[in-house]
C-alpha cells in the first residue's frame, strides 16, 4: 500500500497575497563591482548591466562602478561597499572564471559564490553576475548575464524595501534576533557597609549556635 498522500485540489477561493519587487531603478543607489580579468568578457558584462540600469530608470549619479583585479576580489569590494555611507540599495557583482588546465577555477568559483551569498545576509541584495565557463567562447556568449544580474538586484532592492519595517527600509541592515535582545544588566554590587553588616550577622549567628550546643556528659 502506498504511503504517499493524495494532494487535494486547491480551493479556487484560496488566493494568498503575493508580493514581488518592481524593476523600477529610479531613486535606488546601486553599486556595480566588475573584475578586470578576462576583459573581453567582463567589459561586455559591465556594458550589459549598465544598459539595463539605464533602461530601468537609474540615474547616473546614483550608480557607482568599482573595478577590481579579478573575481576573487569581488567579495572584498562588496563588503567595503556595504559598510560605506551612504549604503547602496543593491550591489551587482560581475566577473568571469574560465576553466584552465587545473581545478583552480572550481575552487575559485565556489569561494567567490559562497562569500557573495554570505554577504547577502546583511540585508542588501547582491546581483550575481559571475560566469563560470569551460571556454572563452561560452563566456562571450553569456555576457547578457550582466543584464540579468542588474535586473535581479533592482527587483530584490524594491522587495527588500517593501518587506522591511519603515525604520529599516532606508538602507539599514536586518537586525538579527540575538542583536534585538536587550543587553544583560550588570550585577548589582553590594556596598561595603552592607557587606560588613552581613558578615556581622553571620558571626553572631555562629556564636548563638555554639551556645545552644550541649556539652558532652562526663562519665
C-alpha atoms as a PDB file:
ATOM      1  CA  UNK A   1       0.000   0.000   0.000  1.00  0.00           C
ATOM      2  CA  UNK A   2       1.438   3.349  -0.961  1.00  0.00           C
ATOM      3  CA  UNK A   3       2.126   5.815   1.828  1.00  0.00           C
ATOM      4  CA  UNK A   4       2.058   8.811  -0.485  1.00  0.00           C
ATOM      5  CA  UNK A   5      -0.656  11.267   0.341  1.00  0.00           C
ATOM      6  CA  UNK A   6      -3.155  12.291  -2.296  1.00  0.00           C
ATOM      7  CA  UNK A   7      -2.892  16.021  -2.885  1.00  0.00           C
ATOM      8  CA  UNK A   8      -6.174  17.834  -2.632  1.00  0.00           C
ATOM      9  CA  UNK A   9      -7.185  20.235  -5.342  1.00  0.00           C
ATOM     10  CA  UNK A  10      -6.588  23.852  -4.431  1.00  0.00           C
ATOM     11  CA  UNK A  11      -9.667  25.740  -3.382  1.00  0.00           C
ATOM     12  CA  UNK A  12     -10.357  28.403  -6.043  1.00  0.00           C
ATOM     13  CA  UNK A  13     -11.389  30.767  -3.247  1.00  0.00           C
ATOM     14  CA  UNK A  14      -7.972  30.352  -1.626  1.00  0.00           C
ATOM     15  CA  UNK A  15      -5.969  33.256  -3.030  1.00  0.00           C
ATOM     16  CA  UNK A  16      -2.918  34.081  -0.880  1.00  0.00           C
ATOM     17  CA  UNK A  17      -1.395  37.511  -1.153  1.00  0.00           C
ATOM     18  CA  UNK A  18       1.645  37.647  -3.407  1.00  0.00           C
ATOM     19  CA  UNK A  19       4.363  40.253  -3.186  1.00  0.00           C
ATOM     20  CA  UNK A  20       7.260  40.925  -5.531  1.00  0.00           C
ATOM     21  CA  UNK A  21       9.567  43.790  -6.268  1.00  0.00           C
ATOM     22  CA  UNK A  22       9.311  46.004  -9.318  1.00  0.00           C
ATOM     23  CA  UNK A  23      12.129  46.587 -11.789  1.00  0.00           C
ATOM     24  CA  UNK A  24      11.999  50.369 -11.472  1.00  0.00           C
ATOM     25  CA  UNK A  25      15.504  51.564 -10.579  1.00  0.00           C
ATOM     26  CA  UNK A  26      14.591  55.235 -10.159  1.00  0.00           C
ATOM     27  CA  UNK A  27      15.853  56.542  -6.825  1.00  0.00           C
ATOM     28  CA  UNK A  28      17.913  53.452  -5.967  1.00  0.00           C
ATOM     29  CA  UNK A  29      21.587  53.688  -5.052  1.00  0.00           C
ATOM     30  CA  UNK A  30      23.389  50.928  -6.943  1.00  0.00           C
ATOM     31  CA  UNK A  31      26.997  49.761  -6.843  1.00  0.00           C
ATOM     32  CA  UNK A  32      28.404  47.704  -9.718  1.00  0.00           C
ATOM     33  CA  UNK A  33      31.615  45.782  -8.989  1.00  0.00           C
ATOM     34  CA  UNK A  34      33.338  44.397 -12.056  1.00  0.00           C
ATOM     35  CA  UNK A  35      36.519  42.318 -12.359  1.00  0.00           C
ATOM     36  CA  UNK A  36      39.165  43.258 -14.931  1.00  0.00           C
ATOM     37  CA  UNK A  37      40.384  39.683 -15.527  1.00  0.00           C
ATOM     38  CA  UNK A  38      39.174  38.355 -18.898  1.00  0.00           C
ATOM     39  CA  UNK A  39      38.387  41.911 -20.051  1.00  0.00           C
ATOM     40  CA  UNK A  40      36.712  40.949 -23.325  1.00  0.00           C
ATOM     41  CA  UNK A  41      34.049  39.204 -21.239  1.00  0.00           C
ATOM     42  CA  UNK A  42      33.834  41.395 -18.149  1.00  0.00           C
ATOM     43  CA  UNK A  43      33.675  44.638 -20.130  1.00  0.00           C
ATOM     44  CA  UNK A  44      30.732  43.213 -22.056  1.00  0.00           C
ATOM     45  CA  UNK A  45      29.099  42.161 -18.769  1.00  0.00           C
ATOM     46  CA  UNK A  46      29.513  45.699 -17.468  1.00  0.00           C
ATOM     47  CA  UNK A  47      28.020  47.266 -20.605  1.00  0.00           C
ATOM     48  CA  UNK A  48      25.074  44.903 -20.390  1.00  0.00           C
ATOM     49  CA  UNK A  49      24.439  45.722 -16.723  1.00  0.00           C
ATOM     50  CA  UNK A  50      24.719  49.489 -17.199  1.00  0.00           C
ATOM     51  CA  UNK A  51      22.384  49.385 -20.184  1.00  0.00           C
ATOM     52  CA  UNK A  52      19.785  47.571 -18.079  1.00  0.00           C
ATOM     53  CA  UNK A  53      20.119  50.102 -15.246  1.00  0.00           C
ATOM     54  CA  UNK A  54      19.645  52.994 -17.659  1.00  0.00           C
ATOM     55  CA  UNK A  55      16.592  51.374 -19.242  1.00  0.00           C
ATOM     56  CA  UNK A  56      15.083  50.783 -15.793  1.00  0.00           C
ATOM     57  CA  UNK A  57      15.335  54.448 -14.849  1.00  0.00           C
ATOM     58  CA  UNK A  58      18.508  54.594 -12.762  1.00  0.00           C
ATOM     59  CA  UNK A  59      20.285  57.948 -12.641  1.00  0.00           C
ATOM     60  CA  UNK A  60      23.993  58.103 -13.428  1.00  0.00           C
ATOM     61  CA  UNK A  61      24.711  59.959 -10.168  1.00  0.00           C
ATOM     62  CA  UNK A  62      23.144  57.078  -8.218  1.00  0.00           C
ATOM     63  CA  UNK A  63      25.284  54.388  -9.877  1.00  0.00           C
ATOM     64  CA  UNK A  64      28.873  53.705  -8.824  1.00  0.00           C
ATOM     65  CA  UNK A  65      31.217  51.395 -10.752  1.00  0.00           C
ATOM     66  CA  UNK A  66      34.122  49.748  -8.918  1.00  0.00           C
ATOM     67  CA  UNK A  67      36.780  47.805 -10.838  1.00  0.00           C
ATOM     68  CA  UNK A  68      38.796  45.079  -9.098  1.00  0.00           C
ATOM     69  CA  UNK A  69      41.663  42.895 -10.391  1.00  0.00           C
ATOM     70  CA  UNK A  70      39.782  39.594 -10.579  1.00  0.00           C
ATOM     71  CA  UNK A  71      36.821  37.543  -9.444  1.00  0.00           C
ATOM     72  CA  UNK A  72      38.448  36.681  -6.115  1.00  0.00           C
ATOM     73  CA  UNK A  73      38.385  40.365  -5.116  1.00  0.00           C
ATOM     74  CA  UNK A  74      34.636  40.754  -5.733  1.00  0.00           C
ATOM     75  CA  UNK A  75      33.529  39.790  -2.179  1.00  0.00           C
ATOM     76  CA  UNK A  76      36.045  42.115  -0.507  1.00  0.00           C
ATOM     77  CA  UNK A  77      34.901  45.050  -2.635  1.00  0.00           C
ATOM     78  CA  UNK A  78      31.259  44.171  -1.994  1.00  0.00           C
ATOM     79  CA  UNK A  79      31.890  44.116   1.758  1.00  0.00           C
ATOM     80  CA  UNK A  80      33.544  47.534   1.564  1.00  0.00           C
ATOM     81  CA  UNK A  81      30.594  48.889  -0.407  1.00  0.00           C
ATOM     82  CA  UNK A  82      28.094  47.536   2.140  1.00  0.00           C
ATOM     83  CA  UNK A  83      29.917  49.223   5.016  1.00  0.00           C
ATOM     84  CA  UNK A  84      30.249  52.564   3.228  1.00  0.00           C
ATOM     85  CA  UNK A  85      27.961  55.545   3.684  1.00  0.00           C
ATOM     86  CA  UNK A  86      25.581  56.092   2.079  1.00  0.00           C
ATOM     87  CA  UNK A  87      24.885  52.392   1.880  1.00  0.00           C
ATOM     88  CA  UNK A  88      23.790  51.149  -1.558  1.00  0.00           C
ATOM     89  CA  UNK A  89      20.347  49.644  -2.011  1.00  0.00           C
ATOM     90  CA  UNK A  90      21.870  46.808  -4.046  1.00  0.00           C
ATOM     91  CA  UNK A  91      25.246  45.557  -5.266  1.00  0.00           C
ATOM     92  CA  UNK A  92      25.897  43.929  -8.643  1.00  0.00           C
ATOM     93  CA  UNK A  93      28.959  41.654  -8.869  1.00  0.00           C
ATOM     94  CA  UNK A  94      30.346  40.881 -12.332  1.00  0.00           C
ATOM     95  CA  UNK A  95      33.203  38.544 -13.208  1.00  0.00           C
ATOM     96  CA  UNK A  96      34.263  35.647 -15.434  1.00  0.00           C
ATOM     97  CA  UNK A  97      36.060  32.449 -14.445  1.00  0.00           C
ATOM     98  CA  UNK A  98      37.139  30.190 -17.306  1.00  0.00           C
ATOM     99  CA  UNK A  99      38.322  26.607 -16.910  1.00  0.00           C
ATOM    100  CA  UNK A 100      42.067  26.103 -17.098  1.00  0.00           C
ATOM    101  CA  UNK A 101      44.397  23.109 -17.055  1.00  0.00           C
ATOM    102  CA  UNK A 102      43.895  22.578 -13.306  1.00  0.00           C
ATOM    103  CA  UNK A 103      40.917  22.621 -10.937  1.00  0.00           C
ATOM    104  CA  UNK A 104      41.749  26.143  -9.779  1.00  0.00           C
ATOM    105  CA  UNK A 105      38.615  27.517 -11.437  1.00  0.00           C
ATOM    106  CA  UNK A 106      36.389  25.207  -9.360  1.00  0.00           C
ATOM    107  CA  UNK A 107      37.949  26.277  -6.062  1.00  0.00           C
ATOM    108  CA  UNK A 108      37.782  29.937  -7.062  1.00  0.00           C
ATOM    109  CA  UNK A 109      34.181  29.740  -8.255  1.00  0.00           C
ATOM    110  CA  UNK A 110      32.942  28.066  -5.059  1.00  0.00           C
ATOM    111  CA  UNK A 111      34.842  30.510  -2.838  1.00  0.00           C
ATOM    112  CA  UNK A 112      33.546  33.630  -4.593  1.00  0.00           C
ATOM    113  CA  UNK A 113      29.955  32.377  -4.794  1.00  0.00           C
ATOM    114  CA  UNK A 114      29.891  31.376  -1.112  1.00  0.00           C
ATOM    115  CA  UNK A 115      31.362  34.697   0.004  1.00  0.00           C
ATOM    116  CA  UNK A 116      28.867  36.733  -2.015  1.00  0.00           C
ATOM    117  CA  UNK A 117      25.973  34.629  -0.715  1.00  0.00           C
ATOM    118  CA  UNK A 118      27.124  35.219   2.871  1.00  0.00           C
ATOM    119  CA  UNK A 119      27.226  38.981   2.282  1.00  0.00           C
ATOM    120  CA  UNK A 120      23.639  38.970   1.059  1.00  0.00           C
ATOM    121  CA  UNK A 121      22.574  38.165   4.643  1.00  0.00           C
ATOM    122  CA  UNK A 122      23.426  41.736   5.617  1.00  0.00           C
ATOM    123  CA  UNK A 123      20.102  42.971   4.265  1.00  0.00           C
ATOM    124  CA  UNK A 124      21.425  44.309   0.945  1.00  0.00           C
ATOM    125  CA  UNK A 125      20.655  42.331  -2.234  1.00  0.00           C
ATOM    126  CA  UNK A 126      23.570  41.250  -4.405  1.00  0.00           C
ATOM    127  CA  UNK A 127      23.051  40.648  -8.109  1.00  0.00           C
ATOM    128  CA  UNK A 128      25.099  37.584  -9.056  1.00  0.00           C
ATOM    129  CA  UNK A 129      26.792  38.142 -12.408  1.00  0.00           C
ATOM    130  CA  UNK A 130      29.702  35.694 -12.104  1.00  0.00           C
ATOM    131  CA  UNK A 131      30.273  33.453 -15.124  1.00  0.00           C
ATOM    132  CA  UNK A 132      31.938  30.036 -14.712  1.00  0.00           C
ATOM    133  CA  UNK A 133      32.515  28.605 -18.177  1.00  0.00           C
ATOM    134  CA  UNK A 134      34.627  25.952 -19.824  1.00  0.00           C
ATOM    135  CA  UNK A 135      35.812  28.133 -22.722  1.00  0.00           C
ATOM    136  CA  UNK A 136      36.090  31.784 -23.639  1.00  0.00           C
ATOM    137  CA  UNK A 137      33.559  31.226 -26.412  1.00  0.00           C
ATOM    138  CA  UNK A 138      30.984  30.112 -23.846  1.00  0.00           C
ATOM    139  CA  UNK A 139      31.765  33.149 -21.689  1.00  0.00           C
ATOM    140  CA  UNK A 140      31.414  35.608 -24.588  1.00  0.00           C
ATOM    141  CA  UNK A 141      28.060  34.082 -25.474  1.00  0.00           C
ATOM    142  CA  UNK A 142      26.757  34.669 -21.941  1.00  0.00           C
ATOM    143  CA  UNK A 143      27.595  38.313 -21.366  1.00  0.00           C
ATOM    144  CA  UNK A 144      23.868  39.004 -21.128  1.00  0.00           C
ATOM    145  CA  UNK A 145      24.231  37.733 -17.564  1.00  0.00           C
ATOM    146  CA  UNK A 146      25.149  41.297 -16.651  1.00  0.00           C
ATOM    147  CA  UNK A 147      21.649  42.469 -17.544  1.00  0.00           C
ATOM    148  CA  UNK A 148      20.078  39.585 -15.622  1.00  0.00           C
ATOM    149  CA  UNK A 149      22.138  40.363 -12.516  1.00  0.00           C
ATOM    150  CA  UNK A 150      21.247  44.058 -12.681  1.00  0.00           C
ATOM    151  CA  UNK A 151      17.509  43.410 -13.073  1.00  0.00           C
ATOM    152  CA  UNK A 152      17.535  40.858 -10.248  1.00  0.00           C
ATOM    153  CA  UNK A 153      19.322  43.341  -7.976  1.00  0.00           C
ATOM    154  CA  UNK A 154      16.758  46.058  -8.742  1.00  0.00           C
ATOM    155  CA  UNK A 155      13.803  43.765  -8.087  1.00  0.00           C
ATOM    156  CA  UNK A 156      15.250  42.486  -4.804  1.00  0.00           C
ATOM    157  CA  UNK A 157      16.080  46.022  -3.673  1.00  0.00           C
ATOM    158  CA  UNK A 158      12.436  47.029  -4.207  1.00  0.00           C
ATOM    159  CA  UNK A 159      11.207  43.885  -2.477  1.00  0.00           C
ATOM    160  CA  UNK A 160      13.523  44.460   0.482  1.00  0.00           C
ATOM    161  CA  UNK A 161      12.208  47.989   0.870  1.00  0.00           C
ATOM    162  CA  UNK A 162       8.638  46.711   0.771  1.00  0.00           C
ATOM    163  CA  UNK A 163       9.172  43.939   3.334  1.00  0.00           C
ATOM    164  CA  UNK A 164      11.312  45.779   5.858  1.00  0.00           C
ATOM    165  CA  UNK A 165       9.712  47.990   8.523  1.00  0.00           C
ATOM    166  CA  UNK A 166       9.653  51.675   7.687  1.00  0.00           C
ATOM    167  CA  UNK A 167      12.546  52.399  10.037  1.00  0.00           C
ATOM    168  CA  UNK A 168      14.804  49.876   8.324  1.00  0.00           C
ATOM    169  CA  UNK A 169      13.730  50.440   4.730  1.00  0.00           C
ATOM    170  CA  UNK A 170      16.185  53.283   4.231  1.00  0.00           C
ATOM    171  CA  UNK A 171      19.241  51.098   3.767  1.00  0.00           C
ATOM    172  CA  UNK A 172      19.628  49.771   7.290  1.00  0.00           C
ATOM    173  CA  UNK A 173      20.595  46.123   7.510  1.00  0.00           C
ATOM    174  CA  UNK A 174      18.367  43.455   9.001  1.00  0.00           C
ATOM    175  CA  UNK A 175      18.599  43.088  12.775  1.00  0.00           C
ATOM    176  CA  UNK A 176      19.330  39.558  13.947  1.00  0.00           C
ATOM    177  CA  UNK A 177      17.321  38.130  16.820  1.00  0.00           C
ATOM    178  CA  UNK A 178      20.414  37.898  19.008  1.00  0.00           C
ATOM    179  CA  UNK A 179      21.077  41.589  18.379  1.00  0.00           C
ATOM    180  CA  UNK A 180      17.492  42.515  19.175  1.00  0.00           C
ATOM    181  CA  UNK A 181      17.642  41.049  22.685  1.00  0.00           C
ATOM    182  CA  UNK A 182      18.194  43.636  25.429  1.00  0.00           C
ATOM    183  CA  UNK A 183      21.708  43.676  26.889  1.00  0.00           C
ATOM    184  CA  UNK A 184      22.221  41.886  30.158  1.00  0.00           C
ATOM    185  CA  UNK A 185      22.150  44.156  33.158  1.00  0.00           C
ATOM    186  CA  UNK A 186      25.342  44.163  35.235  1.00  0.00           C
ATOM    187  CA  UNK A 187      25.082  42.520  38.627  1.00  0.00           C
ATOM    188  CA  UNK A 188      24.390  44.933  41.417  1.00  0.00           C
ATOM    189  CA  UNK A 189      27.443  45.345  43.580  1.00  0.00           C
ATOM    190  CA  UNK A 190      26.940  45.425  47.324  1.00  0.00           C
ATOM    191  CA  UNK A 191      28.229  48.375  49.255  1.00  0.00           C
ATOM    192  CA  UNK A 192      30.997  47.810  51.841  1.00  0.00           C
ATOM    193  CA  UNK A 193      28.608  48.757  54.668  1.00  0.00           C
ATOM    194  CA  UNK A 194      26.120  46.098  53.611  1.00  0.00           C
ATOM    195  CA  UNK A 195      28.860  43.500  53.396  1.00  0.00           C
ATOM    196  CA  UNK A 196      30.039  44.380  56.929  1.00  0.00           C
ATOM    197  CA  UNK A 197      26.512  44.117  58.317  1.00  0.00           C
ATOM    198  CA  UNK A 198      26.013  40.770  56.638  1.00  0.00           C
ATOM    199  CA  UNK A 199      29.324  39.487  57.987  1.00  0.00           C
ATOM    200  CA  UNK A 200      28.351  40.672  61.492  1.00  0.00           C
ATOM    201  CA  UNK A 201      25.009  38.878  61.372  1.00  0.00           C
ATOM    202  CA  UNK A 202      26.732  35.705  60.197  1.00  0.00           C
ATOM    203  CA  UNK A 203      29.279  35.850  63.014  1.00  0.00           C
ATOM    204  CA  UNK A 204      26.541  36.487  65.609  1.00  0.00           C
ATOM    205  CA  UNK A 205      24.575  33.524  64.352  1.00  0.00           C
ATOM    206  CA  UNK A 206      27.576  31.247  64.662  1.00  0.00           C
ATOM    207  CA  UNK A 207      28.143  32.339  68.259  1.00  0.00           C
ATOM    208  CA  UNK A 208      24.475  31.740  69.123  1.00  0.00           C
ATOM    209  CA  UNK A 209      24.647  28.285  67.614  1.00  0.00           C
ATOM    210  CA  UNK A 210      27.687  27.421  69.734  1.00  0.00           C
ATOM    211  CA  UNK A 211      25.953  28.468  72.951  1.00  0.00           C
ATOM    212  CA  UNK A 212      22.959  26.229  72.222  1.00  0.00           C
ATOM    213  CA  UNK A 213      25.032  23.133  71.733  1.00  0.00           C
ATOM    214  CA  UNK A 214      25.005  20.711  74.670  1.00  0.00           C
ATOM    215  CA  UNK A 215      28.286  19.873  76.364  1.00  0.00           C
ATOM    216  CA  UNK A 216      29.117  16.188  76.365  1.00  0.00           C
ATOM    217  CA  UNK A 217      28.394  14.496  79.675  1.00  0.00           C
ATOM    218  CA  UNK A 218      31.395  13.493  81.759  1.00  0.00           C
ATOM    219  CA  UNK A 219      31.481   9.846  82.762  1.00  0.00           C
END
